[in-house]
Amino acid sequence: MQKKDDYIDLLVKFDHPDAGPFPEDKNFALQLLLHEAYGYARDFTTFPTCPLGHAIPHEKFLPEDLVELVDTYIKDTIIYETQNLPWDEDEAHEKMNALCEKDGLQESDDNWRSAWDTHWRAFWKDYTRIPWAIYRITTTDPKWTEHLKTYQEFDSAGFSEGENYVNENIKIDVPNPSNISDYVIYRKPESSRTALSSAQKEKTNNKPPVLKKLLVDLWKAMTNTSNSN
């Protein structure tokens, strides 16, 4: 989401129903930073692409491998905002059923499953519905995050063997917090183009702050509607 000299903010989201609650420990944070620290050769061997990758061999990726290394690279990690928790898979399934019924379908219909799957895929792309958390990871040296760029996306199989998890909606005050609406706007350029076209028609002189405010207000309205449900 953003990167400063001593910290990086990462937006972490559920990518499948069995992901579990969000770990809040330095070991998990280091696993997240390590994922993009390596490249892959044509023969599928790995090679380091940044200082963190050179410092920690690719073979050291499990929590037990990193226990003695964590404090060398991570000063602290906190989760300062979460939404759509606690996760209830049964409830999510019921909502998919309701959407199919709204489409005029019955469970006995031949196209029920395909419609259900379409709604399910859309669900996992919708930040007003899926569980997400924003981590602030403070490192011992800014070079440990130099391989990560703003809004870079990647999958992670990181997990925690600790006992400190966040499984409820929280919002903690931190200096200069990241705003998920900025990321949602970035991910949907087609929405930006539509809004920009409307803004141009209103002769706004193509002022980015006006466009951004329109999209942020839209995101907040969507979020408030989702939370009220």
C-alpha atoms as a PDB file:
ATOM      1  CA  MET A   1       0.000   0.000   0.000  1.00  0.00           C
ATOM      2  CA  GLN A   2       2.820   2.391   0.870  1.00  0.00           C
ATOM      3  CA  LYS A   3       6.460   2.309   1.877  1.00  0.00           C
ATOM      4  CA  LYS A   4       8.466   4.683   4.054  1.00  0.00           C
ATOM      5  CA  ASP A   5      12.068   4.528   5.249  1.00  0.00           C
ATOM      6  CA  ASP A   6      11.342   2.349   8.265  1.00  0.00           C
ATOM      7  CA  TYR A   7       8.052   0.622   7.479  1.00  0.00           C
ATOM      8  CA  ILE A   8       5.857  -0.853   4.781  1.00  0.00           C
ATOM      9  CA  ASP A   9       2.065  -1.228   4.781  1.00  0.00           C
ATOM     10  CA  LEU A  10       0.724  -4.434   3.246  1.00  0.00           C
ATOM     11  CA  LEU A  11      -2.920  -5.112   2.444  1.00  0.00           C
ATOM     12  CA  VAL A  12      -3.500  -8.813   3.103  1.00  0.00           C
ATOM     13  CA  LYS A  13      -6.734 -10.483   2.068  1.00  0.00           C
ATOM     14  CA  PHE A  14      -8.324 -13.896   2.260  1.00  0.00           C
ATOM     15  CA  ASP A  15      -7.822 -15.695  -1.040  1.00  0.00           C
ATOM     16  CA  HIS A  16      -9.777 -18.828  -0.198  1.00  0.00           C
ATOM     17  CA  PRO A  17     -12.257 -19.944   2.492  1.00  0.00           C
ATOM     18  CA  ASP A  18      -9.712 -21.876   4.587  1.00  0.00           C
ATOM     19  CA  ALA A  19      -7.195 -19.049   4.979  1.00  0.00           C
ATOM     20  CA  GLY A  20      -7.962 -18.616   8.681  1.00  0.00           C
ATOM     21  CA  PRO A  21      -7.735 -15.416  10.785  1.00  0.00           C
ATOM     22  CA  PHE A  22      -4.914 -12.906  10.302  1.00  0.00           C
ATOM     23  CA  PRO A  23      -1.677 -13.711  12.198  1.00  0.00           C
ATOM     24  CA  GLU A  24      -0.106 -10.779  13.995  1.00  0.00           C
ATOM     25  CA  ASP A  25       3.491 -11.791  14.525  1.00  0.00           C
ATOM     26  CA  LYS A  26       6.879 -10.867  13.101  1.00  0.00           C
ATOM     27  CA  ASN A  27       7.534 -14.331  11.691  1.00  0.00           C
ATOM     28  CA  PHE A  28       4.472 -14.133   9.449  1.00  0.00           C
ATOM     29  CA  ALA A  29       5.441 -10.603   8.441  1.00  0.00           C
ATOM     30  CA  LEU A  30       8.899 -11.769   7.359  1.00  0.00           C
ATOM     31  CA  GLN A  31       7.336 -14.563   5.308  1.00  0.00           C
ATOM     32  CA  LEU A  32       5.273 -11.967   3.451  1.00  0.00           C
ATOM     33  CA  LEU A  33       8.348  -9.870   2.659  1.00  0.00           C
ATOM     34  CA  LEU A  34      10.326 -12.914   1.502  1.00  0.00           C
ATOM     35  CA  HIS A  35       7.872 -14.145  -1.089  1.00  0.00           C
ATOM     36  CA  GLU A  36       8.931 -11.706  -3.827  1.00  0.00           C
ATOM     37  CA  ALA A  37      12.617 -11.663  -2.871  1.00  0.00           C
ATOM     38  CA  TYR A  38      13.551 -14.341  -5.423  1.00  0.00           C
ATOM     39  CA  GLY A  39      13.355 -14.931  -9.136  1.00  0.00           C
ATOM     40  CA  TYR A  40      13.033 -18.159 -11.087  1.00  0.00           C
ATOM     41  CA  ALA A  41      15.382 -19.401 -13.801  1.00  0.00           C
ATOM     42  CA  ARG A  42      14.245 -21.393 -16.819  1.00  0.00           C
ATOM     43  CA  ASP A  43      15.134 -24.616 -15.032  1.00  0.00           C
ATOM     44  CA  PHE A  44      12.890 -23.499 -12.117  1.00  0.00           C
ATOM     45  CA  THR A  45      15.803 -22.924  -9.766  1.00  0.00           C
ATOM     46  CA  THR A  46      15.575 -19.776  -7.669  1.00  0.00           C
ATOM     47  CA  PHE A  47      17.950 -16.858  -7.348  1.00  0.00           C
ATOM     48  CA  PRO A  48      17.894 -13.779  -5.075  1.00  0.00           C
ATOM     49  CA  THR A  49      16.798 -10.498  -6.630  1.00  0.00           C
ATOM     50  CA  CYS A  50      17.254  -8.119  -3.695  1.00  0.00           C
ATOM     51  CA  PRO A  51      19.128  -7.672  -0.405  1.00  0.00           C
ATOM     52  CA  LEU A  52      16.572  -9.679   1.576  1.00  0.00           C
ATOM     53  CA  GLY A  53      16.819 -12.563  -0.886  1.00  0.00           C
ATOM     54  CA  HIS A  54      20.603 -12.514  -0.648  1.00  0.00           C
ATOM     55  CA  ALA A  55      20.439 -12.476   3.146  1.00  0.00           C
ATOM     56  CA  ILE A  56      17.988 -15.366   3.576  1.00  0.00           C
ATOM     57  CA  PRO A  57      18.258 -18.485   1.397  1.00  0.00           C
ATOM     58  CA  HIS A  58      15.113 -19.436  -0.501  1.00  0.00           C
ATOM     59  CA  GLU A  59      15.060 -22.776   1.311  1.00  0.00           C
ATOM     60  CA  LYS A  60      14.314 -21.000   4.592  1.00  0.00           C
ATOM     61  CA  PHE A  61      10.617 -20.225   4.235  1.00  0.00           C
ATOM     62  CA  LEU A  62       8.841 -22.144   7.003  1.00  0.00           C
ATOM     63  CA  PRO A  63       8.136 -20.498  10.381  1.00  0.00           C
ATOM     64  CA  GLU A  64      10.594 -22.765  12.192  1.00  0.00           C
ATOM     65  CA  ASP A  65      13.301 -21.828   9.661  1.00  0.00           C
ATOM     66  CA  LEU A  66      12.894 -18.130  10.431  1.00  0.00           C
ATOM     67  CA  VAL A  67      12.527 -18.111  14.222  1.00  0.00           C
ATOM     68  CA  GLU A  68      16.142 -17.153  14.890  1.00  0.00           C
ATOM     69  CA  LEU A  69      16.251 -14.679  11.987  1.00  0.00           C
ATOM     70  CA  VAL A  70      13.102 -12.632  12.594  1.00  0.00           C
ATOM     71  CA  ASP A  71      14.565  -9.980  14.905  1.00  0.00           C
ATOM     72  CA  THR A  72      17.419  -9.327  12.491  1.00  0.00           C
ATOM     73  CA  TYR A  73      14.990  -8.026   9.879  1.00  0.00           C
ATOM     74  CA  ILE A  74      11.699  -7.118  11.595  1.00  0.00           C
ATOM     75  CA  LYS A  75      11.393  -4.599  14.420  1.00  0.00           C
ATOM     76  CA  ASP A  76       7.644  -4.791  14.808  1.00  0.00           C
ATOM     77  CA  THR A  77       4.401  -5.645  13.064  1.00  0.00           C
ATOM     78  CA  ILE A  78       0.847  -4.602  13.826  1.00  0.00           C
ATOM     79  CA  ILE A  79      -2.507  -4.955  12.141  1.00  0.00           C
ATOM     80  CA  TYR A  80      -4.179  -1.569  12.323  1.00  0.00           C
ATOM     81  CA  GLU A  81      -7.319  -2.096  10.255  1.00  0.00           C
ATOM     82  CA  THR A  82      -9.490  -5.072   9.350  1.00  0.00           C
ATOM     83  CA  GLN A  83     -12.906  -5.502   7.802  1.00  0.00           C
ATOM     84  CA  ASN A  84     -15.486  -8.242   7.184  1.00  0.00           C
ATOM     85  CA  LEU A  85     -14.482 -10.316  10.196  1.00  0.00           C
ATOM     86  CA  PRO A  86     -15.131 -12.766  11.696  1.00  0.00           C
ATOM     87  CA  TRP A  87     -15.335 -14.926   8.589  1.00  0.00           C
ATOM     88  CA  ASP A  88     -18.338 -17.236   8.367  1.00  0.00           C
ATOM     89  CA  GLU A  89     -18.222 -19.479   5.317  1.00  0.00           C
ATOM     90  CA  ASP A  90     -21.739 -20.833   5.849  1.00  0.00           C
ATOM     91  CA  GLU A  91     -23.103 -17.298   5.923  1.00  0.00           C
ATOM     92  CA  ALA A  92     -21.221 -16.474   2.723  1.00  0.00           C
ATOM     93  CA  HIS A  93     -22.707 -19.527   1.029  1.00  0.00           C
ATOM     94  CA  GLU A  94     -26.189 -18.456   2.064  1.00  0.00           C
ATOM     95  CA  LYS A  95     -25.588 -15.072   0.484  1.00  0.00           C
ATOM     96  CA  MET A  96     -24.579 -16.761  -2.778  1.00  0.00           C
ATOM     97  CA  ASN A  97     -27.789 -18.789  -2.640  1.00  0.00           C
ATOM     98  CA  ALA A  98     -29.768 -15.590  -2.127  1.00  0.00           C
ATOM     99  CA  LEU A  99     -28.102 -13.977  -5.135  1.00  0.00           C
ATOM    100  CA  CYS A 100     -28.999 -16.973  -7.316  1.00  0.00           C
ATOM    101  CA  GLU A 101     -32.598 -16.808  -6.112  1.00  0.00           C
ATOM    102  CA  LYS A 102     -32.590 -13.100  -6.927  1.00  0.00           C
ATOM    103  CA  ASP A 103     -31.568 -14.128 -10.445  1.00  0.00           C
ATOM    104  CA  GLY A 104     -34.812 -16.104 -10.585  1.00  0.00           C
ATOM    105  CA  LEU A 105     -33.135 -19.500 -10.191  1.00  0.00           C
ATOM    106  CA  GLN A 106     -33.997 -22.506  -8.094  1.00  0.00           C
ATOM    107  CA  GLU A 107     -31.460 -24.970  -6.746  1.00  0.00           C
ATOM    108  CA  SER A 108     -32.911 -27.695  -8.978  1.00  0.00           C
ATOM    109  CA  ASP A 109     -32.243 -25.642 -12.141  1.00  0.00           C
ATOM    110  CA  ASP A 110     -29.478 -26.847 -14.456  1.00  0.00           C
ATOM    111  CA  ASN A 111     -27.715 -23.489 -14.435  1.00  0.00           C
ATOM    112  CA  TRP A 112     -27.852 -22.992 -10.649  1.00  0.00           C
ATOM    113  CA  ARG A 113     -24.285 -24.229 -10.122  1.00  0.00           C
ATOM    114  CA  SER A 114     -22.752 -22.107 -12.881  1.00  0.00           C
ATOM    115  CA  ALA A 115     -24.565 -19.007 -11.600  1.00  0.00           C
ATOM    116  CA  TRP A 116     -23.509 -19.810  -8.026  1.00  0.00           C
ATOM    117  CA  ASP A 117     -19.882 -20.173  -9.120  1.00  0.00           C
ATOM    118  CA  THR A 118     -20.032 -16.838 -10.968  1.00  0.00           C
ATOM    119  CA  HIS A 119     -21.261 -15.061  -7.831  1.00  0.00           C
ATOM    120  CA  TRP A 120     -18.649 -16.870  -5.739  1.00  0.00           C
ATOM    121  CA  ARG A 121     -15.791 -15.725  -7.982  1.00  0.00           C
ATOM    122  CA  ALA A 122     -17.106 -12.161  -7.873  1.00  0.00           C
ATOM    123  CA  PHE A 123     -17.284 -12.373  -4.085  1.00  0.00           C
ATOM    124  CA  TRP A 124     -13.533 -13.007  -3.769  1.00  0.00           C
ATOM    125  CA  LYS A 125     -12.761  -9.886  -5.807  1.00  0.00           C
ATOM    126  CA  ASP A 126     -15.008  -7.601  -3.757  1.00  0.00           C
ATOM    127  CA  TYR A 127     -13.238  -5.800  -0.905  1.00  0.00           C
ATOM    128  CA  THR A 128     -16.560  -4.733   0.591  1.00  0.00           C
ATOM    129  CA  ARG A 129     -17.256  -8.415   1.332  1.00  0.00           C
ATOM    130  CA  ILE A 130     -14.028 -10.406   1.699  1.00  0.00           C
ATOM    131  CA  PRO A 131     -11.950 -10.288   4.913  1.00  0.00           C
ATOM    132  CA  TRP A 132      -8.871  -8.060   4.684  1.00  0.00           C
ATOM    133  CA  ALA A 133      -6.267  -6.545   6.981  1.00  0.00           C
ATOM    134  CA  ILE A 134      -3.686  -3.794   6.680  1.00  0.00           C
ATOM    135  CA  TYR A 135      -0.326  -4.645   8.253  1.00  0.00           C
ATOM    136  CA  ARG A 136       2.323  -2.139   9.220  1.00  0.00           C
ATOM    137  CA  ILE A 137       5.671  -3.915   9.187  1.00  0.00           C
ATOM    138  CA  THR A 138       8.595  -1.989  10.643  1.00  0.00           C
ATOM    139  CA  THR A 139      11.962  -3.260   9.427  1.00  0.00           C
ATOM    140  CA  THR A 140      15.472  -2.900  10.800  1.00  0.00           C
ATOM    141  CA  ASP A 141      16.685  -1.480   7.484  1.00  0.00           C
ATOM    142  CA  PRO A 142      14.766  -0.051   4.494  1.00  0.00           C
ATOM    143  CA  LYS A 143      16.739  -2.276   2.126  1.00  0.00           C
ATOM    144  CA  TRP A 144      14.741  -5.295   3.351  1.00  0.00           C
ATOM    145  CA  THR A 145      11.684  -3.977   1.472  1.00  0.00           C
ATOM    146  CA  GLU A 146      13.297  -2.364  -1.566  1.00  0.00           C
ATOM    147  CA  HIS A 147      12.023  -5.182  -3.839  1.00  0.00           C
ATOM    148  CA  LEU A 148       8.367  -4.352  -3.152  1.00  0.00           C
ATOM    149  CA  LYS A 149       6.604  -1.587  -5.071  1.00  0.00           C
ATOM    150  CA  THR A 150       3.421   0.315  -4.286  1.00  0.00           C
ATOM    151  CA  TYR A 151       0.314  -1.730  -5.189  1.00  0.00           C
ATOM    152  CA  GLN A 152       2.402  -4.722  -6.225  1.00  0.00           C
ATOM    153  CA  GLU A 153       0.282  -7.860  -5.885  1.00  0.00           C
ATOM    154  CA  PHE A 154       1.419 -11.379  -5.053  1.00  0.00           C
ATOM    155  CA  ASP A 155       0.131 -14.596  -3.530  1.00  0.00           C
ATOM    156  CA  SER A 156       1.569 -15.993  -0.335  1.00  0.00           C
ATOM    157  CA  ALA A 157       1.369 -19.345   1.390  1.00  0.00           C
ATOM    158  CA  GLY A 158       2.718 -17.802   4.599  1.00  0.00           C
ATOM    159  CA  PHE A 159       1.275 -19.056   7.863  1.00  0.00           C
ATOM    160  CA  SER A 160       1.857 -18.707  11.565  1.00  0.00           C
ATOM    161  CA  GLU A 161       2.484 -21.152  14.377  1.00  0.00           C
ATOM    162  CA  GLY A 162       1.871 -18.439  16.959  1.00  0.00           C
ATOM    163  CA  GLU A 163      -1.223 -17.697  18.999  1.00  0.00           C
ATOM    164  CA  ASN A 164      -1.717 -14.011  18.218  1.00  0.00           C
ATOM    165  CA  TYR A 165      -4.444 -13.600  15.597  1.00  0.00           C
ATOM    166  CA  VAL A 166      -6.942 -10.888  14.686  1.00  0.00           C
ATOM    167  CA  ASN A 167     -10.425 -12.202  13.942  1.00  0.00           C
ATOM    168  CA  GLU A 168     -12.615  -9.132  14.445  1.00  0.00           C
ATOM    169  CA  ASN A 169     -13.042  -5.750  12.793  1.00  0.00           C
ATOM    170  CA  ILE A 170     -10.605  -3.210  14.208  1.00  0.00           C
ATOM    171  CA  LYS A 171      -9.261   0.232  13.379  1.00  0.00           C
ATOM    172  CA  ILE A 172      -6.262   1.548  15.289  1.00  0.00           C
ATOM    173  CA  ASP A 173      -4.880   5.050  14.888  1.00  0.00           C
ATOM    174  CA  VAL A 174      -1.421   5.099  13.307  1.00  0.00           C
ATOM    175  CA  PRO A 175       0.536   7.911  11.655  1.00  0.00           C
ATOM    176  CA  ASN A 176      -0.185   8.258   7.943  1.00  0.00           C
ATOM    177  CA  PRO A 177      -2.487   5.230   7.577  1.00  0.00           C
ATOM    178  CA  SER A 178      -3.058   3.608   4.205  1.00  0.00           C
ATOM    179  CA  ASN A 179      -6.534   3.913   2.717  1.00  0.00           C
ATOM    180  CA  ILE A 180      -7.956   0.869   0.973  1.00  0.00           C
ATOM    181  CA  SER A 181     -10.064   3.096  -1.272  1.00  0.00           C
ATOM    182  CA  ASP A 182      -6.855   4.293  -2.959  1.00  0.00           C
ATOM    183  CA  TYR A 183      -6.010   0.714  -3.838  1.00  0.00           C
ATOM    184  CA  VAL A 184      -9.518  -0.086  -5.080  1.00  0.00           C
ATOM    185  CA  ILE A 185      -9.360   2.949  -7.376  1.00  0.00           C
ATOM    186  CA  TYR A 186      -5.960   1.783  -8.649  1.00  0.00           C
ATOM    187  CA  ARG A 187      -7.283  -1.717  -9.401  1.00  0.00           C
ATOM    188  CA  LYS A 188     -10.237  -0.447 -11.440  1.00  0.00           C
ATOM    189  CA  PRO A 189      -8.925   1.847 -14.188  1.00  0.00           C
ATOM    190  CA  GLU A 190     -12.181   1.389 -16.121  1.00  0.00           C
ATOM    191  CA  SER A 191     -14.038   3.038 -13.246  1.00  0.00           C
ATOM    192  CA  SER A 192     -11.527   5.871 -13.311  1.00  0.00           C
ATOM    193  CA  ARG A 193     -12.056   6.364 -17.048  1.00  0.00           C
ATOM    194  CA  THR A 194     -15.829   6.501 -16.637  1.00  0.00           C
ATOM    195  CA  ALA A 195     -15.611   8.954 -13.781  1.00  0.00           C
ATOM    196  CA  LEU A 196     -13.058  11.027 -15.655  1.00  0.00           C
ATOM    197  CA  SER A 197     -15.332  11.222 -18.686  1.00  0.00           C
ATOM    198  CA  SER A 198     -18.160  12.481 -16.483  1.00  0.00           C
ATOM    199  CA  ALA A 199     -15.840  14.958 -14.823  1.00  0.00           C
ATOM    200  CA  GLN A 200     -14.706  16.298 -18.174  1.00  0.00           C
ATOM    201  CA  LYS A 201     -18.286  16.800 -19.265  1.00  0.00           C
ATOM    202  CA  GLU A 202     -18.787  18.934 -16.183  1.00  0.00           C
ATOM    203  CA  LYS A 203     -15.686  20.967 -17.178  1.00  0.00           C
ATOM    204  CA  THR A 204     -13.712  20.220 -14.060  1.00  0.00           C
ATOM    205  CA  ASN A 205     -10.483  21.048 -15.952  1.00  0.00           C
ATOM    206  CA  ASN A 206      -9.302  17.465 -15.335  1.00  0.00           C
ATOM    207  CA  LYS A 207      -8.473  18.032 -11.664  1.00  0.00           C
ATOM    208  CA  PRO A 208      -7.326  14.707 -10.097  1.00  0.00           C
ATOM    209  CA  PRO A 209      -8.540  15.627  -6.565  1.00  0.00           C
ATOM    210  CA  VAL A 210     -12.122  15.966  -7.846  1.00  0.00           C
ATOM    211  CA  LEU A 211     -11.981  12.566  -9.514  1.00  0.00           C
ATOM    212  CA  LYS A 212     -10.432  10.955  -6.472  1.00  0.00           C
ATOM    213  CA  LYS A 213     -13.081  12.419  -4.168  1.00  0.00           C
ATOM    214  CA  LEU A 214     -15.853  11.036  -6.384  1.00  0.00           C
ATOM    215  CA  LEU A 215     -14.370   7.539  -6.248  1.00  0.00           C
ATOM    216  CA  VAL A 216     -13.558   7.673  -2.532  1.00  0.00           C
ATOM    217  CA  ASP A 217     -17.120   8.773  -1.751  1.00  0.00           C
ATOM    218  CA  LEU A 218     -18.406   5.895  -3.868  1.00  0.00           C
ATOM    219  CA  TRP A 219     -16.180   3.418  -2.026  1.00  0.00           C
ATOM    220  CA  LYS A 220     -17.308   4.704   1.377  1.00  0.00           C
ATOM    221  CA  ALA A 221     -20.941   4.426   0.369  1.00  0.00           C
ATOM    222  CA  MET A 222     -20.409   0.815  -0.754  1.00  0.00           C
ATOM    223  CA  THR A 223     -18.581  -0.022   2.469  1.00  0.00           C
ATOM    224  CA  ASN A 224     -21.222   1.521   4.676  1.00  0.00           C
ATOM    225  CA  THR A 225     -23.948  -0.371   2.832  1.00  0.00           C
ATOM    226  CA  SER A 226     -22.036  -3.627   3.221  1.00  0.00           C
ATOM    227  CA  ASN A 227     -21.394  -3.064   6.933  1.00  0.00           C
ATOM    228  CA  SER A 228     -25.041  -2.225   7.578  1.00  0.00           C
ATOM    229  CA  ASN A 229     -26.005  -5.563   6.072  1.00  0.00           C
END
